[in-house]
Amino acid sequence: MINGGGILFDRGTVIGATINSGGTLELFSGATATSIIFGAGAILEIGSGDTLSNTTVNNGLVLEVASSGTDMSAAVGSGGTLFVLSGGIDNGATLSTTGVLNVSAGGTASGTVVAGAAR
């Protein structure tokens, strides 16, 4: 369990972790994560060598796609935020209600579908 201010940094496999508000799970270099529970205000960061597919980002969850990380088909819903940082790639995100997509200089977002979301 990772609570506020805590960071779990992994290059291997994470199974069954709980990331609470203010906690961060960072996955790099091909790391994998399974059965992770995210509380409102938690942060998931992916980087070099990592790809996420069909991730739901809502209820205060923040997803950060860092350099050489790739996110495919994220659903960013109410209260969710998707940051694409420099060198990060997002393909096919769907934004709805109050979902937010923030693309930094050097980040790439393509195929984004916007349905009533902040831009």
PDB file of N, CA and C in Angstrom:
ATOM      1  N   MET A   1       0.855  -1.174   0.000  1.00  0.00           N
ATOM      2  CA  MET A   1       0.000   0.000   0.000  1.00  0.00           C
ATOM      3  C   MET A   1       0.895   1.229   0.000  1.00  0.00           C
ATOM      4  N   ILE A   2       0.607   2.155  -0.931  1.00  0.00           N
ATOM      5  CA  ILE A   2       1.359   3.396  -1.040  1.00  0.00           C
ATOM      6  C   ILE A   2       0.413   4.543  -0.699  1.00  0.00           C
ATOM      7  N   ASN A   3       0.750   5.308   0.327  1.00  0.00           N
ATOM      8  CA  ASN A   3      -0.093   6.417   0.756  1.00  0.00           C
ATOM      9  C   ASN A   3       0.491   7.742   0.298  1.00  0.00           C
ATOM     10  N   GLY A   4      -0.160   8.842   0.676  1.00  0.00           N
ATOM     11  CA  GLY A   4       0.238  10.180   0.268  1.00  0.00           C
ATOM     12  C   GLY A   4       1.726  10.418   0.389  1.00  0.00           C
ATOM     13  N   GLY A   5       2.337  10.883  -0.697  1.00  0.00           N
ATOM     14  CA  GLY A   5       3.760  11.183  -0.706  1.00  0.00           C
ATOM     15  C   GLY A   5       4.647   9.985  -0.982  1.00  0.00           C
ATOM     16  N   GLY A   6       4.097   8.779  -0.930  1.00  0.00           N
ATOM     17  CA  GLY A   6       4.888   7.581  -1.183  1.00  0.00           C
ATOM     18  C   GLY A   6       5.041   7.319  -2.668  1.00  0.00           C
ATOM     19  N   ILE A   7       6.165   6.731  -3.067  1.00  0.00           N
ATOM     20  CA  ILE A   7       6.420   6.409  -4.469  1.00  0.00           C
ATOM     21  C   ILE A   7       6.888   4.966  -4.568  1.00  0.00           C
ATOM     22  N   LEU A   8       6.265   4.208  -5.449  1.00  0.00           N
ATOM     23  CA  LEU A   8       6.712   2.857  -5.776  1.00  0.00           C
ATOM     24  C   LEU A   8       7.260   2.910  -7.194  1.00  0.00           C
ATOM     25  N   PHE A   9       8.562   2.695  -7.327  1.00  0.00           N
ATOM     26  CA  PHE A   9       9.252   2.759  -8.614  1.00  0.00           C
ATOM     27  C   PHE A   9       9.629   1.346  -8.994  1.00  0.00           C
ATOM     28  N   ASP A  10       9.217   0.904 -10.179  1.00  0.00           N
ATOM     29  CA  ASP A  10       9.451  -0.489 -10.515  1.00  0.00           C
ATOM     30  C   ASP A  10       9.874  -0.676 -11.954  1.00  0.00           C
ATOM     31  N   ARG A  11      10.810  -1.622 -12.156  1.00  0.00           N
ATOM     32  CA  ARG A  11      11.240  -2.033 -13.491  1.00  0.00           C
ATOM     33  C   ARG A  11      10.898  -3.501 -13.711  1.00  0.00           C
ATOM     34  N   GLY A  12      10.163  -4.099 -12.781  1.00  0.00           N
ATOM     35  CA  GLY A  12       9.800  -5.508 -12.874  1.00  0.00           C
ATOM     36  C   GLY A  12       8.302  -5.685 -12.930  1.00  0.00           C
ATOM     37  N   THR A  13       7.744  -6.419 -11.949  1.00  0.00           N
ATOM     38  CA  THR A  13       6.313  -6.708 -11.929  1.00  0.00           C
ATOM     39  C   THR A  13       5.710  -6.268 -10.604  1.00  0.00           C
ATOM     40  N   VAL A  14       4.581  -5.574 -10.681  1.00  0.00           N
ATOM     41  CA  VAL A  14       3.832  -5.166  -9.496  1.00  0.00           C
ATOM     42  C   VAL A  14       2.483  -5.866  -9.555  1.00  0.00           C
ATOM     43  N   ILE A  15       2.131  -6.586  -8.487  1.00  0.00           N
ATOM     44  CA  ILE A  15       0.867  -7.314  -8.451  1.00  0.00           C
ATOM     45  C   ILE A  15       0.115  -6.940  -7.176  1.00  0.00           C
ATOM     46  N   GLY A  16      -1.143  -6.526  -7.345  1.00  0.00           N
ATOM     47  CA  GLY A  16      -2.032  -6.339  -6.210  1.00  0.00           C
ATOM     48  C   GLY A  16      -1.717  -5.173  -5.302  1.00  0.00           C
ATOM     49  N   ALA A  17      -1.086  -4.124  -5.792  1.00  0.00           N
ATOM     50  CA  ALA A  17      -0.787  -2.963  -4.958  1.00  0.00           C
ATOM     51  C   ALA A  17      -2.005  -2.052  -4.855  1.00  0.00           C
ATOM     52  N   THR A  18      -2.062  -1.286  -3.768  1.00  0.00           N
ATOM     53  CA  THR A  18      -3.062  -0.238  -3.604  1.00  0.00           C
ATOM     54  C   THR A  18      -2.340   1.094  -3.527  1.00  0.00           C
ATOM     55  N   ILE A  19      -2.709   2.020  -4.409  1.00  0.00           N
ATOM     56  CA  ILE A  19      -2.093   3.333  -4.455  1.00  0.00           C
ATOM     57  C   ILE A  19      -3.140   4.345  -4.027  1.00  0.00           C
ATOM     58  N   ASN A  20      -2.948   4.957  -2.851  1.00  0.00           N
ATOM     59  CA  ASN A  20      -3.929   5.890  -2.306  1.00  0.00           C
ATOM     60  C   ASN A  20      -3.624   7.325  -2.723  1.00  0.00           C
ATOM     61  N   SER A  21      -4.494   8.252  -2.324  1.00  0.00           N
ATOM     62  CA  SER A  21      -4.361   9.655  -2.676  1.00  0.00           C
ATOM     63  C   SER A  21      -2.967  10.183  -2.356  1.00  0.00           C
ATOM     64  N   GLY A  22      -2.337  10.803  -3.351  1.00  0.00           N
ATOM     65  CA  GLY A  22      -0.998  11.357  -3.174  1.00  0.00           C
ATOM     66  C   GLY A  22       0.112  10.362  -3.402  1.00  0.00           C
ATOM     67  N   GLY A  23      -0.222   9.083  -3.539  1.00  0.00           N
ATOM     68  CA  GLY A  23       0.773   8.051  -3.815  1.00  0.00           C
ATOM     69  C   GLY A  23       1.030   7.948  -5.306  1.00  0.00           C
ATOM     70  N   THR A  24       2.215   7.466  -5.689  1.00  0.00           N
ATOM     71  CA  THR A  24       2.604   7.368  -7.100  1.00  0.00           C
ATOM     72  C   THR A  24       3.143   5.984  -7.404  1.00  0.00           C
ATOM     73  N   LEU A  25       2.689   5.415  -8.513  1.00  0.00           N
ATOM     74  CA  LEU A  25       3.259   4.183  -9.054  1.00  0.00           C
ATOM     75  C   LEU A  25       3.956   4.554 -10.350  1.00  0.00           C
ATOM     76  N   GLU A  26       5.279   4.347 -10.425  1.00  0.00           N
ATOM     77  CA  GLU A  26       6.061   4.647 -11.619  1.00  0.00           C
ATOM     78  C   GLU A  26       6.543   3.342 -12.229  1.00  0.00           C
ATOM     79  N   LEU A  27       6.200   3.117 -13.488  1.00  0.00           N
ATOM     80  CA  LEU A  27       6.605   1.905 -14.203  1.00  0.00           C
ATOM     81  C   LEU A  27       7.523   2.289 -15.352  1.00  0.00           C
ATOM     82  N   PHE A  28       8.709   1.661 -15.418  1.00  0.00           N
ATOM     83  CA  PHE A  28       9.685   1.964 -16.452  1.00  0.00           C
ATOM     84  C   PHE A  28      10.348   0.689 -16.945  1.00  0.00           C
ATOM     85  N   SER A  29      10.966   0.781 -18.093  1.00  0.00           N
ATOM     86  CA  SER A  29      11.795  -0.285 -18.657  1.00  0.00           C
ATOM     87  C   SER A  29      11.064  -1.611 -18.797  1.00  0.00           C
ATOM     88  N   GLY A  30       9.839  -1.561 -19.308  1.00  0.00           N
ATOM     89  CA  GLY A  30       9.095  -2.789 -19.563  1.00  0.00           C
ATOM     90  C   GLY A  30       8.424  -3.384 -18.345  1.00  0.00           C
ATOM     91  N   ALA A  31       8.305  -2.621 -17.264  1.00  0.00           N
ATOM     92  CA  ALA A  31       7.629  -3.124 -16.063  1.00  0.00           C
ATOM     93  C   ALA A  31       6.169  -3.430 -16.365  1.00  0.00           C
ATOM     94  N   THR A  32       5.589  -4.347 -15.589  1.00  0.00           N
ATOM     95  CA  THR A  32       4.179  -4.688 -15.737  1.00  0.00           C
ATOM     96  C   THR A  32       3.468  -4.523 -14.401  1.00  0.00           C
ATOM     97  N   ALA A  33       2.178  -4.230 -14.484  1.00  0.00           N
ATOM     98  CA  ALA A  33       1.362  -4.084 -13.277  1.00  0.00           C
ATOM     99  C   ALA A  33       0.037  -4.800 -13.491  1.00  0.00           C
ATOM    100  N   THR A  34      -0.395  -5.537 -12.475  1.00  0.00           N
ATOM    101  CA  THR A  34      -1.628  -6.309 -12.548  1.00  0.00           C
ATOM    102  C   THR A  34      -2.422  -6.115 -11.266  1.00  0.00           C
ATOM    103  N   SER A  35      -3.738  -5.980 -11.402  1.00  0.00           N
ATOM    104  CA  SER A  35      -4.655  -5.898 -10.256  1.00  0.00           C
ATOM    105  C   SER A  35      -4.295  -4.762  -9.303  1.00  0.00           C
ATOM    106  N   ILE A  36      -4.048  -3.586  -9.868  1.00  0.00           N
ATOM    107  CA  ILE A  36      -3.706  -2.420  -9.064  1.00  0.00           C
ATOM    108  C   ILE A  36      -4.985  -1.647  -8.747  1.00  0.00           C
ATOM    109  N   ILE A  37      -5.129  -1.216  -7.502  1.00  0.00           N
ATOM    110  CA  ILE A  37      -6.257  -0.391  -7.087  1.00  0.00           C
ATOM    111  C   ILE A  37      -5.743   1.018  -6.851  1.00  0.00           C
ATOM    112  N   PHE A  38      -6.363   1.990  -7.532  1.00  0.00           N
ATOM    113  CA  PHE A  38      -5.963   3.387  -7.391  1.00  0.00           C
ATOM    114  C   PHE A  38      -7.054   4.159  -6.678  1.00  0.00           C
ATOM    115  N   GLY A  39      -6.678   4.876  -5.627  1.00  0.00           N
ATOM    116  CA  GLY A  39      -7.609   5.761  -4.956  1.00  0.00           C
ATOM    117  C   GLY A  39      -7.641   7.118  -5.642  1.00  0.00           C
ATOM    118  N   ALA A  40      -8.659   7.922  -5.338  1.00  0.00           N
ATOM    119  CA  ALA A  40      -8.744   9.276  -5.883  1.00  0.00           C
ATOM    120  C   ALA A  40      -7.485  10.044  -5.500  1.00  0.00           C
ATOM    121  N   GLY A  41      -6.898  10.740  -6.479  1.00  0.00           N
ATOM    122  CA  GLY A  41      -5.700  11.523  -6.214  1.00  0.00           C
ATOM    123  C   GLY A  41      -4.413  10.751  -6.379  1.00  0.00           C
ATOM    124  N   ALA A  42      -4.493   9.487  -6.758  1.00  0.00           N
ATOM    125  CA  ALA A  42      -3.284   8.688  -6.997  1.00  0.00           C
ATOM    126  C   ALA A  42      -2.700   9.034  -8.365  1.00  0.00           C
ATOM    127  N   ILE A  43      -1.404   8.720  -8.547  1.00  0.00           N
ATOM    128  CA  ILE A  43      -0.709   9.008  -9.800  1.00  0.00           C
ATOM    129  C   ILE A  43      -0.092   7.725 -10.336  1.00  0.00           C
ATOM    130  N   LEU A  44      -0.314   7.474 -11.629  1.00  0.00           N
ATOM    131  CA  LEU A  44       0.336   6.381 -12.337  1.00  0.00           C
ATOM    132  C   LEU A  44       1.202   7.009 -13.412  1.00  0.00           C
ATOM    133  N   GLU A  45       2.507   6.708 -13.397  1.00  0.00           N
ATOM    134  CA  GLU A  45       3.419   7.236 -14.412  1.00  0.00           C
ATOM    135  C   GLU A  45       4.075   6.082 -15.150  1.00  0.00           C
ATOM    136  N   ILE A  46       4.031   6.154 -16.474  1.00  0.00           N
ATOM    137  CA  ILE A  46       4.725   5.161 -17.285  1.00  0.00           C
ATOM    138  C   ILE A  46       5.799   5.865 -18.087  1.00  0.00           C
ATOM    139  N   GLY A  47       6.878   5.128 -18.373  1.00  0.00           N
ATOM    140  CA  GLY A  47       7.981   5.728 -19.108  1.00  0.00           C
ATOM    141  C   GLY A  47       8.579   4.759 -20.096  1.00  0.00           C
ATOM    142  N   SER A  48       9.852   4.906 -20.308  1.00  0.00           N
ATOM    143  CA  SER A  48      10.586   4.185 -21.334  1.00  0.00           C
ATOM    144  C   SER A  48      10.274   2.691 -21.347  1.00  0.00           C
ATOM    145  N   GLY A  49       9.818   2.212 -22.513  1.00  0.00           N
ATOM    146  CA  GLY A  49       9.573   0.782 -22.689  1.00  0.00           C
ATOM    147  C   GLY A  49       8.229   0.302 -22.224  1.00  0.00           C
ATOM    148  N   ASP A  50       7.379   1.196 -21.712  1.00  0.00           N
ATOM    149  CA  ASP A  50       6.077   0.767 -21.200  1.00  0.00           C
ATOM    150  C   ASP A  50       4.938   1.228 -22.091  1.00  0.00           C
ATOM    151  N   THR A  51       3.927   0.357 -22.219  1.00  0.00           N
ATOM    152  CA  THR A  51       2.722   0.673 -22.979  1.00  0.00           C
ATOM    153  C   THR A  51       1.510   0.296 -22.140  1.00  0.00           C
ATOM    154  N   LEU A  52       0.559   1.220 -22.029  1.00  0.00           N
ATOM    155  CA  LEU A  52      -0.725   0.938 -21.386  1.00  0.00           C
ATOM    156  C   LEU A  52      -1.785   0.876 -22.469  1.00  0.00           C
ATOM    157  N   SER A  53      -2.749  -0.005 -22.307  1.00  0.00           N
ATOM    158  CA  SER A  53      -3.850  -0.106 -23.259  1.00  0.00           C
ATOM    159  C   SER A  53      -5.177  -0.132 -22.513  1.00  0.00           C
ATOM    160  N   ASN A  54      -6.153   0.605 -23.042  1.00  0.00           N
ATOM    161  CA  ASN A  54      -7.524   0.584 -22.527  1.00  0.00           C
ATOM    162  C   ASN A  54      -7.608   0.884 -21.037  1.00  0.00           C
ATOM    163  N   THR A  55      -6.870   1.877 -20.583  1.00  0.00           N
ATOM    164  CA  THR A  55      -6.863   2.261 -19.179  1.00  0.00           C
ATOM    165  C   THR A  55      -7.973   3.275 -18.913  1.00  0.00           C
ATOM    166  N   THR A  56      -8.679   3.105 -17.806  1.00  0.00           N
ATOM    167  CA  THR A  56      -9.699   4.070 -17.397  1.00  0.00           C
ATOM    168  C   THR A  56      -9.095   5.021 -16.383  1.00  0.00           C
ATOM    169  N   VAL A  57      -9.178   6.310 -16.686  1.00  0.00           N
ATOM    170  CA  VAL A  57      -8.595   7.346 -15.831  1.00  0.00           C
ATOM    171  C   VAL A  57      -9.739   8.250 -15.387  1.00  0.00           C
ATOM    172  N   ASN A  58     -10.174   8.103 -14.125  1.00  0.00           N
ATOM    173  CA  ASN A  58     -11.249   8.949 -13.618  1.00  0.00           C
ATOM    174  C   ASN A  58     -11.146   9.065 -12.109  1.00  0.00           C
ATOM    175  N   ASN A  59     -12.127   9.732 -11.514  1.00  0.00           N
ATOM    176  CA  ASN A  59     -12.219   9.861 -10.052  1.00  0.00           C
ATOM    177  C   ASN A  59     -10.932  10.362  -9.405  1.00  0.00           C
ATOM    178  N   GLY A  60     -10.293  11.354 -10.028  1.00  0.00           N
ATOM    179  CA  GLY A  60      -9.106  11.958  -9.430  1.00  0.00           C
ATOM    180  C   GLY A  60      -7.798  11.282  -9.775  1.00  0.00           C
ATOM    181  N   LEU A  61      -7.836  10.208 -10.566  1.00  0.00           N
ATOM    182  CA  LEU A  61      -6.596   9.541 -10.971  1.00  0.00           C
ATOM    183  C   LEU A  61      -5.855  10.394 -11.990  1.00  0.00           C
ATOM    184  N   VAL A  62      -4.521  10.443 -11.858  1.00  0.00           N
ATOM    185  CA  VAL A  62      -3.667  11.142 -12.807  1.00  0.00           C
ATOM    186  C   VAL A  62      -2.784  10.103 -13.490  1.00  0.00           C
ATOM    187  N   LEU A  63      -2.806  10.097 -14.823  1.00  0.00           N
ATOM    188  CA  LEU A  63      -1.930   9.237 -15.614  1.00  0.00           C
ATOM    189  C   LEU A  63      -0.920  10.128 -16.306  1.00  0.00           C
ATOM    190  N   GLU A  64       0.375   9.862 -16.081  1.00  0.00           N
ATOM    191  CA  GLU A  64       1.450  10.611 -16.727  1.00  0.00           C
ATOM    192  C   GLU A  64       2.188   9.675 -17.668  1.00  0.00           C
ATOM    193  N   VAL A  65       2.271  10.070 -18.937  1.00  0.00           N
ATOM    194  CA  VAL A  65       3.006   9.293 -19.928  1.00  0.00           C
ATOM    195  C   VAL A  65       4.315  10.038 -20.183  1.00  0.00           C
ATOM    196  N   ALA A  66       5.415   9.498 -19.668  1.00  0.00           N
ATOM    197  CA  ALA A  66       6.719  10.152 -19.751  1.00  0.00           C
ATOM    198  C   ALA A  66       7.458   9.720 -21.017  1.00  0.00           C
ATOM    199  N   SER A  67       8.666  10.204 -21.173  1.00  0.00           N
ATOM    200  CA  SER A  67       9.469   9.968 -22.365  1.00  0.00           C
ATOM    201  C   SER A  67       9.559   8.490 -22.732  1.00  0.00           C
ATOM    202  N   SER A  68       9.234   8.177 -23.984  1.00  0.00           N
ATOM    203  CA  SER A  68       9.264   6.830 -24.561  1.00  0.00           C
ATOM    204  C   SER A  68       8.202   5.901 -24.000  1.00  0.00           C
ATOM    205  N   GLY A  69       7.257   6.437 -23.226  1.00  0.00           N
ATOM    206  CA  GLY A  69       6.097   5.665 -22.800  1.00  0.00           C
ATOM    207  C   GLY A  69       4.969   5.857 -23.799  1.00  0.00           C
ATOM    208  N   THR A  70       4.081   4.866 -23.901  1.00  0.00           N
ATOM    209  CA  THR A  70       2.966   4.940 -24.846  1.00  0.00           C
ATOM    210  C   THR A  70       1.670   4.540 -24.157  1.00  0.00           C
ATOM    211  N   ASP A  71       0.645   5.357 -24.371  1.00  0.00           N
ATOM    212  CA  ASP A  71      -0.686   5.032 -23.879  1.00  0.00           C
ATOM    213  C   ASP A  71      -1.608   4.877 -25.074  1.00  0.00           C
ATOM    214  N   MET A  72      -2.360   3.775 -25.100  1.00  0.00           N
ATOM    215  CA  MET A  72      -3.272   3.476 -26.202  1.00  0.00           C
ATOM    216  C   MET A  72      -4.703   3.415 -25.681  1.00  0.00           C
ATOM    217  N   SER A  73      -5.594   4.202 -26.280  1.00  0.00           N
ATOM    218  CA  SER A  73      -7.039   4.105 -26.047  1.00  0.00           C
ATOM    219  C   SER A  73      -7.463   4.308 -24.600  1.00  0.00           C
ATOM    220  N   ALA A  74      -6.878   5.276 -23.927  1.00  0.00           N
ATOM    221  CA  ALA A  74      -7.316   5.580 -22.555  1.00  0.00           C
ATOM    222  C   ALA A  74      -8.700   6.212 -22.585  1.00  0.00           C
ATOM    223  N   ALA A  75      -9.517   5.891 -21.595  1.00  0.00           N
ATOM    224  CA  ALA A  75     -10.806   6.544 -21.395  1.00  0.00           C
ATOM    225  C   ALA A  75     -10.644   7.488 -20.214  1.00  0.00           C
ATOM    226  N   VAL A  76     -10.652   8.795 -20.494  1.00  0.00           N
ATOM    227  CA  VAL A  76     -10.439   9.795 -19.450  1.00  0.00           C
ATOM    228  C   VAL A  76     -11.789  10.388 -19.102  1.00  0.00           C
ATOM    229  N   GLY A  77     -12.289  10.018 -17.928  1.00  0.00           N
ATOM    230  CA  GLY A  77     -13.622  10.416 -17.523  1.00  0.00           C
ATOM    231  C   GLY A  77     -13.625  11.454 -16.433  1.00  0.00           C
ATOM    232  N   SER A  78     -14.742  11.569 -15.754  1.00  0.00           N
ATOM    233  CA  SER A  78     -14.973  12.578 -14.731  1.00  0.00           C
ATOM    234  C   SER A  78     -13.857  12.610 -13.686  1.00  0.00           C
ATOM    235  N   GLY A  79     -13.191  13.752 -13.592  1.00  0.00           N
ATOM    236  CA  GLY A  79     -12.156  13.937 -12.581  1.00  0.00           C
ATOM    237  C   GLY A  79     -10.812  13.345 -12.941  1.00  0.00           C
ATOM    238  N   GLY A  80     -10.670  12.731 -14.112  1.00  0.00           N
ATOM    239  CA  GLY A  80      -9.407  12.131 -14.520  1.00  0.00           C
ATOM    240  C   GLY A  80      -8.547  13.093 -15.307  1.00  0.00           C
ATOM    241  N   THR A  81      -7.226  12.939 -15.205  1.00  0.00           N
ATOM    242  CA  THR A  81      -6.296  13.786 -15.949  1.00  0.00           C
ATOM    243  C   THR A  81      -5.223  12.923 -16.587  1.00  0.00           C
ATOM    244  N   LEU A  82      -4.998  13.152 -17.878  1.00  0.00           N
ATOM    245  CA  LEU A  82      -3.950  12.465 -18.628  1.00  0.00           C
ATOM    246  C   LEU A  82      -2.930  13.499 -19.063  1.00  0.00           C
ATOM    247  N   PHE A  83      -1.687  13.360 -18.559  1.00  0.00           N
ATOM    248  CA  PHE A  83      -0.587  14.224 -18.960  1.00  0.00           C
ATOM    249  C   PHE A  83       0.306  13.446 -19.916  1.00  0.00           C
ATOM    250  N   VAL A  84       0.586  14.029 -21.075  1.00  0.00           N
ATOM    251  CA  VAL A  84       1.550  13.457 -22.006  1.00  0.00           C
ATOM    252  C   VAL A  84       2.771  14.368 -21.949  1.00  0.00           C
ATOM    253  N   LEU A  85       3.828  13.882 -21.313  1.00  0.00           N
ATOM    254  CA  LEU A  85       5.027  14.683 -21.107  1.00  0.00           C
ATOM    255  C   LEU A  85       5.935  14.617 -22.324  1.00  0.00           C
ATOM    256  N   SER A  86       6.978  15.416 -22.342  1.00  0.00           N
ATOM    257  CA  SER A  86       7.908  15.453 -23.466  1.00  0.00           C
ATOM    258  C   SER A  86       8.421  14.054 -23.800  1.00  0.00           C
ATOM    259  N   GLY A  87       8.253  13.658 -25.055  1.00  0.00           N
ATOM    260  CA  GLY A  87       8.694  12.336 -25.497  1.00  0.00           C
ATOM    261  C   GLY A  87       7.668  11.245 -25.298  1.00  0.00           C
ATOM    262  N   GLY A  88       6.575  11.530 -24.581  1.00  0.00           N
ATOM    263  CA  GLY A  88       5.508  10.561 -24.373  1.00  0.00           C
ATOM    264  C   GLY A  88       4.544  10.549 -25.548  1.00  0.00           C
ATOM    265  N   ILE A  89       3.831   9.436 -25.718  1.00  0.00           N
ATOM    266  CA  ILE A  89       2.910   9.277 -26.845  1.00  0.00           C
ATOM    267  C   ILE A  89       1.559   8.791 -26.332  1.00  0.00           C
ATOM    268  N   ASP A  90       0.497   9.448 -26.795  1.00  0.00           N
ATOM    269  CA  ASP A  90      -0.856   8.981 -26.517  1.00  0.00           C
ATOM    270  C   ASP A  90      -1.587   8.800 -27.837  1.00  0.00           C
ATOM    271  N   ASN A  91      -2.193   7.639 -28.029  1.00  0.00           N
ATOM    272  CA  ASN A  91      -2.961   7.349 -29.242  1.00  0.00           C
ATOM    273  C   ASN A  91      -4.387   6.969 -28.876  1.00  0.00           C
ATOM    274  N   GLY A  92      -5.359   7.700 -29.430  1.00  0.00           N
ATOM    275  CA  GLY A  92      -6.746   7.282 -29.336  1.00  0.00           C
ATOM    276  C   GLY A  92      -7.428   7.469 -28.007  1.00  0.00           C
ATOM    277  N   ALA A  93      -7.025   8.460 -27.212  1.00  0.00           N
ATOM    278  CA  ALA A  93      -7.718   8.702 -25.945  1.00  0.00           C
ATOM    279  C   ALA A  93      -9.123   9.223 -26.213  1.00  0.00           C
ATOM    280  N   THR A  94     -10.060   8.859 -25.343  1.00  0.00           N
ATOM    281  CA  THR A  94     -11.415   9.392 -25.391  1.00  0.00           C
ATOM    282  C   THR A  94     -11.640  10.201 -24.123  1.00  0.00           C
ATOM    283  N   LEU A  95     -11.983  11.483 -24.300  1.00  0.00           N
ATOM    284  CA  LEU A  95     -12.229  12.371 -23.169  1.00  0.00           C
ATOM    285  C   LEU A  95     -13.724  12.603 -23.044  1.00  0.00           C
ATOM    286  N   SER A  96     -14.247  12.451 -21.827  1.00  0.00           N
ATOM    287  CA  SER A  96     -15.673  12.707 -21.619  1.00  0.00           C
ATOM    288  C   SER A  96     -15.883  13.489 -20.335  1.00  0.00           C
ATOM    289  N   THR A  97     -17.048  14.070 -20.199  1.00  0.00           N
ATOM    290  CA  THR A  97     -17.460  14.900 -19.060  1.00  0.00           C
ATOM    291  C   THR A  97     -16.337  15.864 -18.678  1.00  0.00           C
ATOM    292  N   THR A  98     -15.732  15.691 -17.513  1.00  0.00           N
ATOM    293  CA  THR A  98     -14.703  16.636 -17.066  1.00  0.00           C
ATOM    294  C   THR A  98     -13.294  16.047 -17.170  1.00  0.00           C
ATOM    295  N   GLY A  99     -13.089  15.090 -18.049  1.00  0.00           N
ATOM    296  CA  GLY A  99     -11.758  14.540 -18.266  1.00  0.00           C
ATOM    297  C   GLY A  99     -10.851  15.578 -18.901  1.00  0.00           C
ATOM    298  N   VAL A 100      -9.555  15.532 -18.549  1.00  0.00           N
ATOM    299  CA  VAL A 100      -8.596  16.526 -19.035  1.00  0.00           C
ATOM    300  C   VAL A 100      -7.405  15.825 -19.675  1.00  0.00           C
ATOM    301  N   LEU A 101      -7.010  16.327 -20.852  1.00  0.00           N
ATOM    302  CA  LEU A 101      -5.789  15.888 -21.532  1.00  0.00           C
ATOM    303  C   LEU A 101      -4.865  17.086 -21.615  1.00  0.00           C
ATOM    304  N   ASN A 102      -3.636  16.933 -21.089  1.00  0.00           N
ATOM    305  CA  ASN A 102      -2.649  18.002 -21.109  1.00  0.00           C
ATOM    306  C   ASN A 102      -1.408  17.473 -21.805  1.00  0.00           C
ATOM    307  N   VAL A 103      -1.071  18.058 -22.965  1.00  0.00           N
ATOM    308  CA  VAL A 103       0.091  17.608 -23.740  1.00  0.00           C
ATOM    309  C   VAL A 103       1.186  18.653 -23.619  1.00  0.00           C
ATOM    310  N   SER A 104       2.317  18.271 -23.027  1.00  0.00           N
ATOM    311  CA  SER A 104       3.450  19.171 -22.865  1.00  0.00           C
ATOM    312  C   SER A 104       4.206  19.319 -24.172  1.00  0.00           C
ATOM    313  N   ALA A 105       5.041  20.352 -24.257  1.00  0.00           N
ATOM    314  CA  ALA A 105       5.899  20.529 -25.425  1.00  0.00           C
ATOM    315  C   ALA A 105       6.729  19.263 -25.620  1.00  0.00           C
ATOM    316  N   GLY A 106       6.729  18.737 -26.830  1.00  0.00           N
ATOM    317  CA  GLY A 106       7.481  17.519 -27.131  1.00  0.00           C
ATOM    318  C   GLY A 106       6.694  16.247 -26.937  1.00  0.00           C
ATOM    319  N   GLY A 107       5.506  16.341 -26.345  1.00  0.00           N
ATOM    320  CA  GLY A 107       4.614  15.181 -26.205  1.00  0.00           C
ATOM    321  C   GLY A 107       3.751  15.058 -27.451  1.00  0.00           C
ATOM    322  N   THR A 108       3.186  13.863 -27.684  1.00  0.00           N
ATOM    323  CA  THR A 108       2.374  13.619 -28.872  1.00  0.00           C
ATOM    324  C   THR A 108       1.044  12.989 -28.481  1.00  0.00           C
ATOM    325  N   ALA A 109      -0.044  13.577 -28.981  1.00  0.00           N
ATOM    326  CA  ALA A 109      -1.369  12.980 -28.828  1.00  0.00           C
ATOM    327  C   ALA A 109      -2.020  12.943 -30.197  1.00  0.00           C
ATOM    328  N   SER A 110      -2.538  11.778 -30.580  1.00  0.00           N
ATOM    329  CA  SER A 110      -3.196  11.646 -31.874  1.00  0.00           C
ATOM    330  C   SER A 110      -4.454  10.821 -31.724  1.00  0.00           C
ATOM    331  N   GLY A 111      -5.407  11.052 -32.622  1.00  0.00           N
ATOM    332  CA  GLY A 111      -6.643  10.275 -32.621  1.00  0.00           C
ATOM    333  C   GLY A 111      -7.519  10.491 -31.419  1.00  0.00           C
ATOM    334  N   THR A 112      -7.382  11.643 -30.766  1.00  0.00           N
ATOM    335  CA  THR A 112      -8.158  11.921 -29.559  1.00  0.00           C
ATOM    336  C   THR A 112      -9.610  12.222 -29.905  1.00  0.00           C
ATOM    337  N   VAL A 113     -10.534  11.612 -29.153  1.00  0.00           N
ATOM    338  CA  VAL A 113     -11.961  11.857 -29.310  1.00  0.00           C
ATOM    339  C   VAL A 113     -12.413  12.681 -28.123  1.00  0.00           C
ATOM    340  N   VAL A 114     -13.030  13.848 -28.399  1.00  0.00           N
ATOM    341  CA  VAL A 114     -13.470  14.734 -27.337  1.00  0.00           C
ATOM    342  C   VAL A 114     -14.989  14.772 -27.304  1.00  0.00           C
ATOM    343  N   ALA A 115     -15.552  14.423 -26.159  1.00  0.00           N
ATOM    344  CA  ALA A 115     -17.011  14.415 -26.005  1.00  0.00           C
ATOM    345  C   ALA A 115     -17.362  15.201 -24.752  1.00  0.00           C
ATOM    346  N   GLY A 116     -17.330  16.522 -24.839  1.00  0.00           N
ATOM    347  CA  GLY A 116     -17.721  17.361 -23.713  1.00  0.00           C
ATOM    348  C   GLY A 116     -16.655  17.521 -22.650  1.00  0.00           C
ATOM    349  N   ALA A 117     -15.393  17.311 -23.003  1.00  0.00           N
ATOM    350  CA  ALA A 117     -14.313  17.399 -22.027  1.00  0.00           C
ATOM    351  C   ALA A 117     -13.577  18.722 -22.131  1.00  0.00           C
ATOM    352  N   ALA A 118     -12.825  19.054 -21.078  1.00  0.00           N
ATOM    353  CA  ALA A 118     -11.944  20.228 -21.110  1.00  0.00           C
ATOM    354  C   ALA A 118     -10.797  19.954 -22.074  1.00  0.00           C
ATOM    355  N   ARG A 119     -10.315  21.003 -22.730  1.00  0.00           N
ATOM    356  CA  ARG A 119      -9.203  20.831 -23.661  1.00  0.00           C
ATOM    357  C   ARG A 119      -8.101  21.787 -23.329  1.00  0.00           C
TER     358      ARG A 119
END
